[in-house]
Amino acid sequence: MLGEFVTRLLVLVLGYAYPAIECFKTVEKKKVEIEELRFWCQYWIVVAFLTVFERIGDTFLSWLPMYDELKLTLLIGLWYPKTKGSDYLYNTLLRPFMSRHETELERKIQELRYRAWDLALFYWQNYTELGQTKFFEMIQYLGGQSSRIKNGNQKSGKNKNWTSTKIERDSRSEYDQSDDYPIPESPSNFKLQQAFFKNRHTKPHK
């Protein structure tokens, strides 16, 4: 796994980053050499075609041993000054093929571009409508959830008020029932009543 990651990183650095920097330096020269500029243009044309066919190659050829290492070697060989593989591939294979089928390829590319544009518009319209529908459904769902929460809070408040009222009524009934029981007389009041009746009976009549 680590070897595959390192190889892919080297492909990005040596196959794309370094050639891009060299191409930039060539373009920014005060006196641009046509041959050098032509070389880098050929390199990027070849790389573009290889990138298109790479998707097919990754599907059918990725099982080959050292497949990523072979791609890295090919990319380096395209720009390496001693090999200049891009110049060879361009003049030997790509240029003759494009010269014979340029008109047909351009027509097919135009058709594919129009179809791709129509397909993009179709998906854009469908996904826009779908997004609007889902958005309104989400708004309705959130509104229903908020109303449910509000109704639940109101019911809980009513239950709390009913419970407090019941407790208050029970406490009042208990207090009212306590009036039915006579308050016992204190011992001091009982003694005073006995002394009052005793003096009344013992008082002489005139």
C-alpha atoms as a PDB file:
ATOM      1  CA  MET A   1       0.000   0.000   0.000  1.00  0.00           C
ATOM      2  CA  LEU A   2       2.812   2.393   0.867  1.00  0.00           C
ATOM      3  CA  GLY A   3       4.622   1.589  -2.392  1.00  0.00           C
ATOM      4  CA  GLU A   4       1.491   2.349  -4.424  1.00  0.00           C
ATOM      5  CA  PHE A   5       1.007   5.649  -2.588  1.00  0.00           C
ATOM      6  CA  VAL A   6       4.633   6.691  -3.172  1.00  0.00           C
ATOM      7  CA  THR A   7       4.407   5.736  -6.848  1.00  0.00           C
ATOM      8  CA  ARG A   8       1.249   7.803  -7.373  1.00  0.00           C
ATOM      9  CA  LEU A   9       2.872  10.738  -5.610  1.00  0.00           C
ATOM     10  CA  LEU A  10       5.925  10.478  -7.887  1.00  0.00           C
ATOM     11  CA  VAL A  11       3.608  10.370 -10.922  1.00  0.00           C
ATOM     12  CA  LEU A  12       2.025  13.651  -9.856  1.00  0.00           C
ATOM     13  CA  VAL A  13       5.365  15.316  -9.117  1.00  0.00           C
ATOM     14  CA  LEU A  14       7.473  14.045 -12.036  1.00  0.00           C
ATOM     15  CA  GLY A  15       4.682  13.670 -14.573  1.00  0.00           C
ATOM     16  CA  TYR A  16       2.749  16.896 -13.988  1.00  0.00           C
ATOM     17  CA  ALA A  17       4.314  19.315 -11.494  1.00  0.00           C
ATOM     18  CA  TYR A  18       7.881  19.347 -12.844  1.00  0.00           C
ATOM     19  CA  PRO A  19       6.854  19.585 -16.555  1.00  0.00           C
ATOM     20  CA  ALA A  20       4.415  22.381 -15.678  1.00  0.00           C
ATOM     21  CA  ILE A  21       7.193  24.376 -13.997  1.00  0.00           C
ATOM     22  CA  GLU A  22       9.549  23.849 -16.955  1.00  0.00           C
ATOM     23  CA  CYS A  23       6.811  24.865 -19.397  1.00  0.00           C
ATOM     24  CA  PHE A  24       6.145  27.992 -17.352  1.00  0.00           C
ATOM     25  CA  LYS A  25       9.830  28.918 -17.388  1.00  0.00           C
ATOM     26  CA  THR A  26       9.927  28.445 -21.148  1.00  0.00           C
ATOM     27  CA  VAL A  27       6.878  30.623 -21.764  1.00  0.00           C
ATOM     28  CA  GLU A  28       8.169  33.407 -19.507  1.00  0.00           C
ATOM     29  CA  LYS A  29      11.527  33.701 -21.240  1.00  0.00           C
ATOM     30  CA  LYS A  30      12.212  36.975 -22.968  1.00  0.00           C
ATOM     31  CA  LYS A  31      13.346  35.161 -26.072  1.00  0.00           C
ATOM     32  CA  VAL A  32      11.263  32.042 -26.435  1.00  0.00           C
ATOM     33  CA  GLU A  33      12.779  29.292 -28.535  1.00  0.00           C
ATOM     34  CA  ILE A  34      10.205  27.808 -30.867  1.00  0.00           C
ATOM     35  CA  GLU A  35      11.620  24.305 -30.661  1.00  0.00           C
ATOM     36  CA  GLU A  36      11.537  24.264 -26.874  1.00  0.00           C
ATOM     37  CA  LEU A  37       7.999  25.647 -26.773  1.00  0.00           C
ATOM     38  CA  ARG A  38       6.925  23.145 -29.415  1.00  0.00           C
ATOM     39  CA  PHE A  39       8.419  20.321 -27.375  1.00  0.00           C
ATOM     40  CA  TRP A  40       6.369  21.179 -24.272  1.00  0.00           C
ATOM     41  CA  CYS A  41       3.225  21.612 -26.334  1.00  0.00           C
ATOM     42  CA  GLN A  42       3.781  18.145 -27.772  1.00  0.00           C
ATOM     43  CA  TYR A  43       4.349  16.793 -24.284  1.00  0.00           C
ATOM     44  CA  TRP A  44       1.033  18.090 -22.939  1.00  0.00           C
ATOM     45  CA  ILE A  45      -0.858  16.906 -26.018  1.00  0.00           C
ATOM     46  CA  VAL A  46       0.526  13.384 -25.585  1.00  0.00           C
ATOM     47  CA  VAL A  47      -0.177  13.456 -21.837  1.00  0.00           C
ATOM     48  CA  ALA A  48      -3.766  14.559 -22.490  1.00  0.00           C
ATOM     49  CA  PHE A  49      -4.367  11.595 -24.812  1.00  0.00           C
ATOM     50  CA  LEU A  50      -2.674   9.220 -22.388  1.00  0.00           C
ATOM     51  CA  THR A  51      -4.892  10.529 -19.578  1.00  0.00           C
ATOM     52  CA  VAL A  52      -7.988   9.732 -21.643  1.00  0.00           C
ATOM     53  CA  PHE A  53      -6.823   6.182 -22.345  1.00  0.00           C
ATOM     54  CA  GLU A  54      -5.543   5.804 -18.799  1.00  0.00           C
ATOM     55  CA  ARG A  55      -9.129   5.340 -17.521  1.00  0.00           C
ATOM     56  CA  ILE A  56      -9.513   2.319 -19.782  1.00  0.00           C
ATOM     57  CA  GLY A  57      -6.056   1.042 -18.980  1.00  0.00           C
ATOM     58  CA  ASP A  58      -6.645   1.250 -15.235  1.00  0.00           C
ATOM     59  CA  THR A  59      -9.715  -0.957 -15.647  1.00  0.00           C
ATOM     60  CA  PHE A  60      -8.119  -3.718 -17.734  1.00  0.00           C
ATOM     61  CA  LEU A  61      -4.390  -3.434 -17.048  1.00  0.00           C
ATOM     62  CA  SER A  62      -4.123  -2.442 -13.396  1.00  0.00           C
ATOM     63  CA  TRP A  63      -3.669  -6.127 -12.434  1.00  0.00           C
ATOM     64  CA  LEU A  64      -0.299  -6.216 -14.198  1.00  0.00           C
ATOM     65  CA  PRO A  65       2.751  -6.230 -11.908  1.00  0.00           C
ATOM     66  CA  MET A  66       4.430  -2.825 -11.545  1.00  0.00           C
ATOM     67  CA  TYR A  67       1.666  -1.114 -13.560  1.00  0.00           C
ATOM     68  CA  ASP A  68       2.057   2.193 -11.721  1.00  0.00           C
ATOM     69  CA  GLU A  69       5.837   2.027 -12.067  1.00  0.00           C
ATOM     70  CA  LEU A  70       5.458   1.591 -15.820  1.00  0.00           C
ATOM     71  CA  LYS A  71       3.264   4.689 -16.034  1.00  0.00           C
ATOM     72  CA  LEU A  72       5.842   6.665 -14.042  1.00  0.00           C
ATOM     73  CA  THR A  73       8.640   5.501 -16.357  1.00  0.00           C
ATOM     74  CA  LEU A  74       6.596   6.445 -19.429  1.00  0.00           C
ATOM     75  CA  LEU A  75       5.893   9.965 -18.148  1.00  0.00           C
ATOM     76  CA  ILE A  76       9.525  10.564 -17.283  1.00  0.00           C
ATOM     77  CA  GLY A  77      10.593   9.239 -20.670  1.00  0.00           C
ATOM     78  CA  LEU A  78       8.296  11.730 -22.402  1.00  0.00           C
ATOM     79  CA  TRP A  79      10.146  14.809 -21.133  1.00  0.00           C
ATOM     80  CA  TYR A  80      13.622  13.451 -20.369  1.00  0.00           C
ATOM     81  CA  PRO A  81      16.069  15.417 -22.573  1.00  0.00           C
ATOM     82  CA  LYS A  82      17.962  12.357 -23.826  1.00  0.00           C
ATOM     83  CA  THR A  83      14.887  10.398 -24.827  1.00  0.00           C
ATOM     84  CA  LYS A  84      12.257  13.070 -25.651  1.00  0.00           C
ATOM     85  CA  GLY A  85       9.579  10.428 -25.963  1.00  0.00           C
ATOM     86  CA  SER A  86       6.834  12.985 -26.478  1.00  0.00           C
ATOM     87  CA  ASP A  87       8.450  14.163 -29.718  1.00  0.00           C
ATOM     88  CA  TYR A  88       8.686  10.588 -30.979  1.00  0.00           C
ATOM     89  CA  LEU A  89       5.107   9.640 -30.061  1.00  0.00           C
ATOM     90  CA  TYR A  90       3.732  12.862 -31.482  1.00  0.00           C
ATOM     91  CA  ASN A  91       5.469  12.683 -34.850  1.00  0.00           C
ATOM     92  CA  THR A  92       5.242   8.900 -35.254  1.00  0.00           C
ATOM     93  CA  LEU A  93       1.761   8.027 -33.977  1.00  0.00           C
ATOM     94  CA  LEU A  94      -0.369  10.997 -32.958  1.00  0.00           C
ATOM     95  CA  ARG A  95       0.279  13.424 -35.789  1.00  0.00           C
ATOM     96  CA  PRO A  96      -0.383  10.949 -38.662  1.00  0.00           C
ATOM     97  CA  PHE A  97      -3.534   9.674 -36.926  1.00  0.00           C
ATOM     98  CA  MET A  98      -4.908  13.167 -36.328  1.00  0.00           C
ATOM     99  CA  SER A  99      -4.107  14.236 -39.897  1.00  0.00           C
ATOM    100  CA  ARG A 100      -6.186  11.361 -41.328  1.00  0.00           C
ATOM    101  CA  HIS A 101      -9.152  11.623 -38.919  1.00  0.00           C
ATOM    102  CA  GLU A 102      -9.102  15.257 -37.860  1.00  0.00           C
ATOM    103  CA  THR A 103     -12.409  16.212 -39.525  1.00  0.00           C
ATOM    104  CA  GLU A 104     -14.267  13.155 -38.268  1.00  0.00           C
ATOM    105  CA  LEU A 105     -12.888  13.482 -34.764  1.00  0.00           C
ATOM    106  CA  GLU A 106     -13.777  17.164 -34.632  1.00  0.00           C
ATOM    107  CA  ARG A 107     -17.352  16.417 -35.709  1.00  0.00           C
ATOM    108  CA  LYS A 108     -17.757  13.686 -33.107  1.00  0.00           C
ATOM    109  CA  ILE A 109     -16.282  15.889 -30.419  1.00  0.00           C
ATOM    110  CA  GLN A 110     -18.756  18.640 -31.298  1.00  0.00           C
ATOM    111  CA  GLU A 111     -21.635  16.147 -31.076  1.00  0.00           C
ATOM    112  CA  LEU A 112     -20.385  14.863 -27.753  1.00  0.00           C
ATOM    113  CA  ARG A 113     -20.062  18.409 -26.473  1.00  0.00           C
ATOM    114  CA  TYR A 114     -23.654  19.244 -27.407  1.00  0.00           C
ATOM    115  CA  ARG A 115     -24.939  16.003 -25.895  1.00  0.00           C
ATOM    116  CA  ALA A 116     -22.938  16.591 -22.757  1.00  0.00           C
ATOM    117  CA  TRP A 117     -24.349  20.114 -22.501  1.00  0.00           C
ATOM    118  CA  ASP A 118     -27.924  18.871 -22.963  1.00  0.00           C
ATOM    119  CA  LEU A 119     -27.325  16.132 -20.417  1.00  0.00           C
ATOM    120  CA  ALA A 120     -25.882  18.634 -17.963  1.00  0.00           C
ATOM    121  CA  LEU A 121     -28.925  20.894 -18.394  1.00  0.00           C
ATOM    122  CA  PHE A 122     -31.268  17.934 -17.965  1.00  0.00           C
ATOM    123  CA  TYR A 123     -29.626  16.835 -14.743  1.00  0.00           C
ATOM    124  CA  TRP A 124     -29.417  20.417 -13.526  1.00  0.00           C
ATOM    125  CA  GLN A 125     -33.153  20.955 -13.997  1.00  0.00           C
ATOM    126  CA  ASN A 126     -34.057  17.616 -12.418  1.00  0.00           C
ATOM    127  CA  TYR A 127     -31.767  18.074  -9.440  1.00  0.00           C
ATOM    128  CA  THR A 128     -32.998  21.644  -8.993  1.00  0.00           C
ATOM    129  CA  GLU A 129     -36.626  20.495  -8.876  1.00  0.00           C
ATOM    130  CA  LEU A 130     -35.707  17.605  -6.621  1.00  0.00           C
ATOM    131  CA  GLY A 131     -33.774  19.932  -4.353  1.00  0.00           C
ATOM    132  CA  GLN A 132     -36.715  22.339  -4.114  1.00  0.00           C
ATOM    133  CA  THR A 133     -39.098  19.475  -3.304  1.00  0.00           C
ATOM    134  CA  LYS A 134     -36.811  18.084  -0.620  1.00  0.00           C
ATOM    135  CA  PHE A 135     -36.298  21.557   0.793  1.00  0.00           C
ATOM    136  CA  PHE A 136     -40.012  22.190   1.198  1.00  0.00           C
ATOM    137  CA  GLU A 137     -40.510  18.706   2.640  1.00  0.00           C
ATOM    138  CA  MET A 138     -37.806  19.439   5.186  1.00  0.00           C
ATOM    139  CA  ILE A 139     -39.456  22.770   6.076  1.00  0.00           C
ATOM    140  CA  GLN A 140     -42.823  21.027   6.552  1.00  0.00           C
ATOM    141  CA  TYR A 141     -41.204  18.329   8.671  1.00  0.00           C
ATOM    142  CA  LEU A 142     -39.481  20.885  10.897  1.00  0.00           C
ATOM    143  CA  GLY A 143     -42.739  22.833  11.220  1.00  0.00           C
ATOM    144  CA  GLY A 144     -44.589  19.678  12.279  1.00  0.00           C
ATOM    145  CA  GLN A 145     -41.911  18.829  14.818  1.00  0.00           C
ATOM    146  CA  SER A 146     -42.021  22.343  16.312  1.00  0.00           C
ATOM    147  CA  SER A 147     -45.847  22.211  16.614  1.00  0.00           C
ATOM    148  CA  ARG A 148     -45.630  18.814  18.303  1.00  0.00           C
ATOM    149  CA  ILE A 149     -43.093  20.114  20.787  1.00  0.00           C
ATOM    150  CA  LYS A 150     -45.266  23.168  21.482  1.00  0.00           C
ATOM    151  CA  ASN A 151     -48.381  21.025  22.045  1.00  0.00           C
ATOM    152  CA  GLY A 152     -46.407  18.726  24.319  1.00  0.00           C
ATOM    153  CA  ASN A 153     -45.227  21.661  26.424  1.00  0.00           C
ATOM    154  CA  GLN A 154     -48.791  22.972  26.704  1.00  0.00           C
ATOM    155  CA  LYS A 155     -50.093  19.558  27.818  1.00  0.00           C
ATOM    156  CA  SER A 156     -47.335  19.213  30.398  1.00  0.00           C
ATOM    157  CA  GLY A 157     -48.171  22.698  31.729  1.00  0.00           C
ATOM    158  CA  LYS A 158     -51.856  21.775  32.045  1.00  0.00           C
ATOM    159  CA  ASN A 159     -50.946  18.584  33.874  1.00  0.00           C
ATOM    160  CA  LYS A 160     -48.760  20.515  36.284  1.00  0.00           C
ATOM    161  CA  ASN A 161     -51.551  23.037  36.981  1.00  0.00           C
ATOM    162  CA  TRP A 162     -54.082  20.248  37.504  1.00  0.00           C
ATOM    163  CA  THR A 163     -51.743  18.460  39.926  1.00  0.00           C
ATOM    164  CA  SER A 164     -51.060  21.603  41.951  1.00  0.00           C
ATOM    165  CA  THR A 165     -54.811  22.406  42.115  1.00  0.00           C
ATOM    166  CA  LYS A 166     -55.584  18.884  43.302  1.00  0.00           C
ATOM    167  CA  ILE A 167     -52.905  19.061  45.994  1.00  0.00           C
ATOM    168  CA  GLU A 168     -54.267  22.409  47.176  1.00  0.00           C
ATOM    169  CA  ARG A 169     -57.810  21.055  47.303  1.00  0.00           C
ATOM    170  CA  ASP A 170     -56.712  17.980  49.245  1.00  0.00           C
ATOM    171  CA  SER A 171     -54.840  20.123  51.740  1.00  0.00           C
ATOM    172  CA  ARG A 172     -57.888  22.346  52.219  1.00  0.00           C
ATOM    173  CA  SER A 173     -60.196  19.349  52.763  1.00  0.00           C
ATOM    174  CA  GLU A 174     -57.821  17.928  55.340  1.00  0.00           C
ATOM    175  CA  TYR A 175     -57.776  21.297  57.124  1.00  0.00           C
ATOM    176  CA  ASP A 176     -61.588  21.498  57.069  1.00  0.00           C
ATOM    177  CA  GLN A 177     -61.902  17.971  58.422  1.00  0.00           C
ATOM    178  CA  SER A 178     -59.684  18.909  61.346  1.00  0.00           C
ATOM    179  CA  ASP A 179     -62.458  21.292  62.633  1.00  0.00           C
ATOM    180  CA  ASP A 180     -64.741  18.311  63.450  1.00  0.00           C
ATOM    181  CA  TYR A 181     -62.449  17.196  66.225  1.00  0.00           C
ATOM    182  CA  PRO A 182     -62.869  19.181  69.544  1.00  0.00           C
ATOM    183  CA  ILE A 183     -59.857  20.873  70.916  1.00  0.00           C
ATOM    184  CA  PRO A 184     -59.076  19.284  74.302  1.00  0.00           C
ATOM    185  CA  GLU A 185     -59.354  21.632  77.210  1.00  0.00           C
ATOM    186  CA  SER A 186     -56.216  22.549  78.985  1.00  0.00           C
ATOM    187  CA  PRO A 187     -55.716  21.421  82.620  1.00  0.00           C
ATOM    188  CA  SER A 188     -55.644  25.022  83.847  1.00  0.00           C
ATOM    189  CA  ASN A 189     -59.125  25.771  82.451  1.00  0.00           C
ATOM    190  CA  PHE A 190     -60.497  22.596  84.051  1.00  0.00           C
ATOM    191  CA  LYS A 191     -59.169  23.589  87.491  1.00  0.00           C
ATOM    192  CA  LEU A 192     -60.657  27.072  87.216  1.00  0.00           C
ATOM    193  CA  GLN A 193     -64.056  25.598  86.365  1.00  0.00           C
ATOM    194  CA  GLN A 194     -63.890  23.276  89.419  1.00  0.00           C
ATOM    195  CA  ALA A 195     -63.008  26.182  91.749  1.00  0.00           C
ATOM    196  CA  PHE A 196     -65.850  28.296  90.338  1.00  0.00           C
ATOM    197  CA  PHE A 197     -68.488  25.611  90.927  1.00  0.00           C
ATOM    198  CA  LYS A 198     -67.135  24.899  94.440  1.00  0.00           C
ATOM    199  CA  ASN A 199     -67.387  28.529  95.536  1.00  0.00           C
ATOM    200  CA  ARG A 200     -70.894  28.764  94.105  1.00  0.00           C
ATOM    201  CA  HIS A 201     -72.202  25.821  96.111  1.00  0.00           C
ATOM    202  CA  THR A 202     -70.544  26.853  99.351  1.00  0.00           C
ATOM    203  CA  LYS A 203     -71.794  30.505  99.304  1.00  0.00           C
ATOM    204  CA  PRO A 204     -74.455  31.081 102.125  1.00  0.00           C
ATOM    205  CA  HIS A 205     -77.981  32.220 101.260  1.00  0.00           C
ATOM    206  CA  LYS A 206     -79.319  35.427 102.802  1.00  0.00           C
END
